Amino acid sequence: MRDWIMTSSLLLMEFIPAPAMAQERPWDWGPGMHPGWWMWGAGGAVMMLMMLVFWGLVIAGLILGIRWLARQGRDERADRAFDILRERYARGEINKEEFDARRRDLSGRAA
């Protein structure tokens, strides 16, 4: 009976660390290396690429949004200035040559 207990306890002690050893990395991996790290696996490369695409889209969206907002205010001012210029021409305060010169100036600033 004593031999049977001794044998079963040795077998049990041998198989207890098996799940922990099964999770251990193979000996050929260096310290701190993981299969998904850097270019070791397709998952690491895809995650890195998707992160670059994500931040690229965020930055491009911010730039386009800021440019759109800046353009909105400028277009309104140019339209209002052109309206005033037309009103002055209609009232006869400025002549045709002066109207054309200022209109070219306004269209150059708005573009």
N, C-alpha and C. Protein backbone atom coordinates (compact mmCIF):
# COMPACT_ATOMS: atom_id res chain seq x y z
N MET A 1 0.83 -1.19 0.00
CA MET A 1 0.00 0.00 0.00
C MET A 1 0.87 1.25 0.00
N ARG A 2 1.96 1.19 0.74
CA ARG A 2 2.86 2.32 0.82
C ARG A 2 3.50 2.61 -0.54
N ASP A 3 3.84 1.57 -1.26
CA ASP A 3 4.43 1.75 -2.59
C ASP A 3 3.43 2.36 -3.56
N TRP A 4 2.19 1.94 -3.44
CA TRP A 4 1.16 2.48 -4.33
C TRP A 4 0.94 3.97 -4.05
N ILE A 5 0.93 4.39 -2.80
CA ILE A 5 0.77 5.81 -2.43
C ILE A 5 1.96 6.62 -2.92
N MET A 6 3.13 6.04 -2.75
CA MET A 6 4.35 6.73 -3.18
C MET A 6 4.36 6.90 -4.70
N THR A 7 4.01 5.88 -5.42
CA THR A 7 3.98 5.93 -6.88
C THR A 7 2.93 6.91 -7.38
N SER A 8 1.74 6.86 -6.82
CA SER A 8 0.68 7.77 -7.25
C SER A 8 1.02 9.21 -6.91
N SER A 9 1.63 9.47 -5.78
CA SER A 9 2.00 10.85 -5.43
C SER A 9 3.10 11.36 -6.34
N LEU A 10 4.03 10.52 -6.72
CA LEU A 10 5.08 10.96 -7.65
C LEU A 10 4.49 11.26 -9.02
N LEU A 11 3.58 10.43 -9.49
CA LEU A 11 2.93 10.69 -10.78
C LEU A 11 2.10 11.97 -10.72
N LEU A 12 1.40 12.14 -9.60
CA LEU A 12 0.58 13.34 -9.45
C LEU A 12 1.45 14.59 -9.43
N MET A 13 2.56 14.55 -8.74
CA MET A 13 3.46 15.70 -8.68
C MET A 13 4.11 15.98 -10.03
N GLU A 14 4.25 14.94 -10.82
CA GLU A 14 4.84 15.13 -12.13
C GLU A 14 3.86 15.82 -13.08
N PHE A 15 2.57 15.54 -12.94
CA PHE A 15 1.58 16.12 -13.85
C PHE A 15 0.98 17.44 -13.37
N ILE A 16 1.21 17.86 -12.15
CA ILE A 16 0.68 19.12 -11.65
C ILE A 16 1.23 20.32 -12.43
N PRO A 17 2.54 20.41 -12.65
CA PRO A 17 3.03 21.58 -13.38
C PRO A 17 2.84 21.50 -14.90
N ALA A 18 2.22 20.44 -15.41
CA ALA A 18 2.06 20.29 -16.86
C ALA A 18 1.29 21.45 -17.50
N PRO A 19 0.16 21.92 -16.94
CA PRO A 19 -0.51 23.06 -17.59
C PRO A 19 0.35 24.32 -17.60
N ALA A 20 1.10 24.53 -16.55
CA ALA A 20 1.98 25.70 -16.52
C ALA A 20 3.10 25.56 -17.54
N MET A 21 3.63 24.37 -17.68
CA MET A 21 4.70 24.15 -18.65
C MET A 21 4.16 24.21 -20.08
N ALA A 22 2.92 23.86 -20.28
CA ALA A 22 2.32 23.91 -21.62
C ALA A 22 2.17 25.35 -22.09
N GLN A 23 2.05 26.29 -21.16
CA GLN A 23 1.92 27.69 -21.53
C GLN A 23 3.27 28.36 -21.74
N GLU A 24 4.30 27.72 -21.34
CA GLU A 24 5.65 28.28 -21.47
C GLU A 24 6.04 28.36 -22.94
N ARG A 25 6.79 29.36 -23.29
CA ARG A 25 7.25 29.50 -24.67
C ARG A 25 8.36 28.51 -24.95
N PRO A 26 8.52 28.11 -26.19
CA PRO A 26 9.60 27.18 -26.51
C PRO A 26 10.96 27.81 -26.27
N TRP A 27 11.95 27.01 -26.15
CA TRP A 27 13.29 27.47 -25.79
C TRP A 27 13.91 28.37 -26.85
N ASP A 28 13.50 28.28 -28.11
CA ASP A 28 14.15 29.06 -29.15
C ASP A 28 13.71 30.52 -29.19
N TRP A 29 12.66 30.88 -28.44
CA TRP A 29 12.26 32.28 -28.36
C TRP A 29 13.16 32.99 -27.37
N GLY A 30 13.51 34.22 -27.69
CA GLY A 30 14.34 35.00 -26.77
C GLY A 30 13.51 35.53 -25.62
N PRO A 31 14.16 36.14 -24.65
CA PRO A 31 13.41 36.70 -23.52
C PRO A 31 12.55 37.87 -23.97
N GLY A 32 11.30 37.85 -23.58
CA GLY A 32 10.39 38.93 -23.89
C GLY A 32 9.79 38.86 -25.27
N MET A 33 10.14 37.86 -26.05
CA MET A 33 9.61 37.76 -27.40
C MET A 33 8.23 37.10 -27.36
N HIS A 34 7.40 37.51 -28.28
CA HIS A 34 6.06 36.94 -28.37
C HIS A 34 5.74 36.77 -29.85
N PRO A 35 5.03 35.73 -30.24
CA PRO A 35 4.78 35.50 -31.67
C PRO A 35 4.08 36.65 -32.37
N GLY A 36 3.28 37.47 -31.69
CA GLY A 36 2.60 38.58 -32.33
C GLY A 36 3.38 39.88 -32.25
N TRP A 37 4.59 39.85 -31.72
CA TRP A 37 5.38 41.06 -31.52
C TRP A 37 6.12 41.40 -32.79
N TRP A 38 6.08 42.67 -33.21
CA TRP A 38 6.73 43.22 -34.38
C TRP A 38 6.41 42.40 -35.61
N MET A 39 7.36 41.87 -36.30
CA MET A 39 7.08 41.15 -37.54
C MET A 39 7.08 39.64 -37.34
N TRP A 40 6.93 39.19 -36.14
CA TRP A 40 6.99 37.75 -35.87
C TRP A 40 5.75 37.04 -36.35
N GLY A 41 4.68 37.74 -36.53
CA GLY A 41 3.46 37.11 -37.00
C GLY A 41 2.64 38.10 -37.80
N ALA A 42 1.73 37.58 -38.57
CA ALA A 42 0.90 38.46 -39.38
C ALA A 42 0.01 39.34 -38.50
N GLY A 43 -0.38 38.84 -37.34
CA GLY A 43 -1.22 39.63 -36.44
C GLY A 43 -0.54 40.91 -36.00
N GLY A 44 0.75 40.85 -35.69
CA GLY A 44 1.48 42.05 -35.27
C GLY A 44 1.59 43.06 -36.39
N ALA A 45 1.86 42.58 -37.60
CA ALA A 45 1.99 43.48 -38.75
C ALA A 45 0.64 44.12 -39.09
N VAL A 46 -0.43 43.34 -39.03
CA VAL A 46 -1.75 43.87 -39.36
C VAL A 46 -2.18 44.89 -38.31
N MET A 47 -1.93 44.60 -37.03
CA MET A 47 -2.30 45.56 -35.98
C MET A 47 -1.52 46.85 -36.15
N MET A 48 -0.24 46.76 -36.47
CA MET A 48 0.56 47.96 -36.66
C MET A 48 0.05 48.77 -37.86
N LEU A 49 -0.28 48.09 -38.95
CA LEU A 49 -0.79 48.78 -40.12
C LEU A 49 -2.14 49.44 -39.85
N MET A 50 -3.02 48.74 -39.16
CA MET A 50 -4.34 49.31 -38.84
C MET A 50 -4.21 50.52 -37.91
N MET A 51 -3.28 50.49 -36.99
CA MET A 51 -3.07 51.63 -36.10
C MET A 51 -2.56 52.83 -36.90
N LEU A 52 -1.66 52.60 -37.84
CA LEU A 52 -1.18 53.70 -38.68
C LEU A 52 -2.30 54.26 -39.55
N VAL A 53 -3.13 53.39 -40.11
CA VAL A 53 -4.27 53.85 -40.91
C VAL A 53 -5.24 54.64 -40.05
N PHE A 54 -5.52 54.15 -38.84
CA PHE A 54 -6.44 54.84 -37.94
C PHE A 54 -5.95 56.25 -37.63
N TRP A 55 -4.69 56.37 -37.20
CA TRP A 55 -4.18 57.70 -36.84
C TRP A 55 -4.04 58.59 -38.07
N GLY A 56 -3.74 58.00 -39.23
CA GLY A 56 -3.70 58.78 -40.46
C GLY A 56 -5.05 59.37 -40.80
N LEU A 57 -6.11 58.56 -40.64
CA LEU A 57 -7.46 59.06 -40.90
C LEU A 57 -7.88 60.12 -39.89
N VAL A 58 -7.50 59.95 -38.64
CA VAL A 58 -7.84 60.95 -37.61
C VAL A 58 -7.16 62.27 -37.94
N ILE A 59 -5.87 62.23 -38.26
CA ILE A 59 -5.13 63.46 -38.56
C ILE A 59 -5.65 64.11 -39.83
N ALA A 60 -5.92 63.31 -40.87
CA ALA A 60 -6.45 63.86 -42.12
C ALA A 60 -7.83 64.48 -41.89
N GLY A 61 -8.66 63.85 -41.08
CA GLY A 61 -9.97 64.41 -40.76
C GLY A 61 -9.87 65.73 -40.03
N LEU A 62 -8.95 65.81 -39.08
CA LEU A 62 -8.76 67.08 -38.37
C LEU A 62 -8.29 68.19 -39.30
N ILE A 63 -7.35 67.87 -40.17
CA ILE A 63 -6.83 68.88 -41.10
C ILE A 63 -7.93 69.35 -42.05
N LEU A 64 -8.68 68.39 -42.62
CA LEU A 64 -9.75 68.78 -43.53
C LEU A 64 -10.85 69.56 -42.82
N GLY A 65 -11.17 69.18 -41.59
CA GLY A 65 -12.18 69.92 -40.83
C GLY A 65 -11.76 71.34 -40.52
N ILE A 66 -10.51 71.52 -40.14
CA ILE A 66 -10.00 72.87 -39.84
C ILE A 66 -9.98 73.72 -41.11
N ARG A 67 -9.53 73.13 -42.22
CA ARG A 67 -9.51 73.88 -43.48
C ARG A 67 -10.92 74.26 -43.93
N TRP A 68 -11.86 73.34 -43.75
CA TRP A 68 -13.25 73.63 -44.13
C TRP A 68 -13.81 74.76 -43.29
N LEU A 69 -13.55 74.72 -41.97
CA LEU A 69 -14.04 75.79 -41.09
C LEU A 69 -13.41 77.13 -41.44
N ALA A 70 -12.11 77.12 -41.75
CA ALA A 70 -11.44 78.37 -42.11
C ALA A 70 -11.97 78.91 -43.42
N ARG A 71 -12.27 78.05 -44.36
CA ARG A 71 -12.78 78.47 -45.66
C ARG A 71 -14.20 79.02 -45.55
N GLN A 72 -14.98 78.50 -44.62
CA GLN A 72 -16.35 78.97 -44.47
C GLN A 72 -16.39 80.45 -44.12
N GLY A 73 -15.60 80.88 -43.18
CA GLY A 73 -15.59 82.29 -42.79
C GLY A 73 -15.07 83.20 -43.88
N ARG A 74 -14.06 82.73 -44.61
CA ARG A 74 -13.46 83.55 -45.65
C ARG A 74 -14.41 83.73 -46.83
N ASP A 75 -15.13 82.69 -47.19
CA ASP A 75 -16.07 82.81 -48.31
C ASP A 75 -17.18 83.80 -48.00
N GLU A 76 -17.66 83.81 -46.79
CA GLU A 76 -18.72 84.74 -46.42
C GLU A 76 -18.24 86.19 -46.50
N ARG A 77 -17.03 86.44 -46.04
CA ARG A 77 -16.49 87.80 -46.11
C ARG A 77 -16.31 88.24 -47.56
N ALA A 78 -15.83 87.34 -48.43
CA ALA A 78 -15.61 87.69 -49.83
C ALA A 78 -16.95 87.96 -50.51
N ASP A 79 -17.96 87.17 -50.20
CA ASP A 79 -19.27 87.39 -50.81
C ASP A 79 -19.85 88.73 -50.35
N ARG A 80 -19.70 89.05 -49.10
CA ARG A 80 -20.23 90.31 -48.57
C ARG A 80 -19.49 91.50 -49.19
N ALA A 81 -18.18 91.36 -49.37
CA ALA A 81 -17.41 92.44 -49.99
C ALA A 81 -17.83 92.63 -51.44
N PHE A 82 -18.07 91.54 -52.13
CA PHE A 82 -18.51 91.65 -53.52
C PHE A 82 -19.90 92.29 -53.62
N ASP A 83 -20.76 91.97 -52.67
CA ASP A 83 -22.09 92.60 -52.64
C ASP A 83 -21.98 94.11 -52.45
N ILE A 84 -21.11 94.53 -51.53
CA ILE A 84 -20.90 95.96 -51.30
C ILE A 84 -20.34 96.63 -52.55
N LEU A 85 -19.40 95.93 -53.22
CA LEU A 85 -18.81 96.48 -54.44
C LEU A 85 -19.86 96.66 -55.53
N ARG A 86 -20.75 95.70 -55.68
CA ARG A 86 -21.82 95.82 -56.67
C ARG A 86 -22.78 96.96 -56.32
N GLU A 87 -23.07 97.10 -55.03
CA GLU A 87 -23.96 98.19 -54.61
C GLU A 87 -23.34 99.55 -54.91
N ARG A 88 -22.04 99.70 -54.64
CA ARG A 88 -21.36 100.97 -54.92
C ARG A 88 -21.34 101.26 -56.41
N TYR A 89 -21.15 100.21 -57.22
CA TYR A 89 -21.17 100.40 -58.69
C TYR A 89 -22.58 100.77 -59.17
N ALA A 90 -23.57 100.13 -58.57
CA ALA A 90 -24.96 100.43 -58.96
C ALA A 90 -25.35 101.85 -58.58
N ARG A 91 -24.84 102.37 -57.46
CA ARG A 91 -25.16 103.75 -57.06
C ARG A 91 -24.35 104.77 -57.83
N GLY A 92 -23.32 104.31 -58.56
CA GLY A 92 -22.51 105.24 -59.35
C GLY A 92 -21.33 105.81 -58.58
N GLU A 93 -21.01 105.25 -57.42
CA GLU A 93 -19.87 105.76 -56.65
C GLU A 93 -18.54 105.41 -57.29
N ILE A 94 -18.49 104.30 -58.02
CA ILE A 94 -17.25 103.90 -58.71
C ILE A 94 -17.58 103.64 -60.17
N ASN A 95 -16.55 103.77 -61.02
CA ASN A 95 -16.76 103.54 -62.45
C ASN A 95 -16.46 102.08 -62.82
N LYS A 96 -16.61 101.74 -64.09
CA LYS A 96 -16.46 100.35 -64.56
C LYS A 96 -15.04 99.83 -64.36
N GLU A 97 -14.03 100.66 -64.67
CA GLU A 97 -12.64 100.21 -64.53
C GLU A 97 -12.31 99.91 -63.07
N GLU A 98 -12.73 100.78 -62.18
CA GLU A 98 -12.47 100.56 -60.75
C GLU A 98 -13.22 99.33 -60.23
N PHE A 99 -14.45 99.14 -60.73
CA PHE A 99 -15.24 97.96 -60.35
C PHE A 99 -14.53 96.68 -60.78
N ASP A 100 -14.05 96.65 -62.05
CA ASP A 100 -13.36 95.46 -62.56
C ASP A 100 -12.07 95.18 -61.80
N ALA A 101 -11.33 96.24 -61.49
CA ALA A 101 -10.06 96.05 -60.77
C ALA A 101 -10.31 95.50 -59.36
N ARG A 102 -11.29 96.04 -58.67
CA ARG A 102 -11.58 95.56 -57.31
C ARG A 102 -12.20 94.16 -57.32
N ARG A 103 -13.00 93.86 -58.37
CA ARG A 103 -13.56 92.52 -58.48
C ARG A 103 -12.45 91.48 -58.69
N ARG A 104 -11.46 91.82 -59.54
CA ARG A 104 -10.32 90.91 -59.73
C ARG A 104 -9.56 90.74 -58.42
N ASP A 105 -9.41 91.83 -57.70
CA ASP A 105 -8.70 91.76 -56.41
C ASP A 105 -9.45 90.87 -55.42
N LEU A 106 -10.77 91.01 -55.37
CA LEU A 106 -11.57 90.18 -54.47
C LEU A 106 -11.57 88.71 -54.87
N SER A 107 -11.64 88.45 -56.17
CA SER A 107 -11.65 87.04 -56.62
C SER A 107 -10.28 86.41 -56.39
N GLY A 108 -9.22 87.16 -56.45
CA GLY A 108 -7.87 86.62 -56.16
C GLY A 108 -7.71 86.31 -54.68
N ARG A 109 -8.32 87.11 -53.81
CA ARG A 109 -8.23 86.88 -52.37
C ARG A 109 -9.09 85.70 -51.94
N ALA A 110 -10.24 85.50 -52.57
CA ALA A 110 -11.16 84.44 -52.16
C ALA A 110 -10.68 83.09 -52.62
N ALA A 111 -9.87 83.02 -53.68
CA ALA A 111 -9.41 81.74 -54.21
C ALA A 111 -8.28 81.17 -53.41
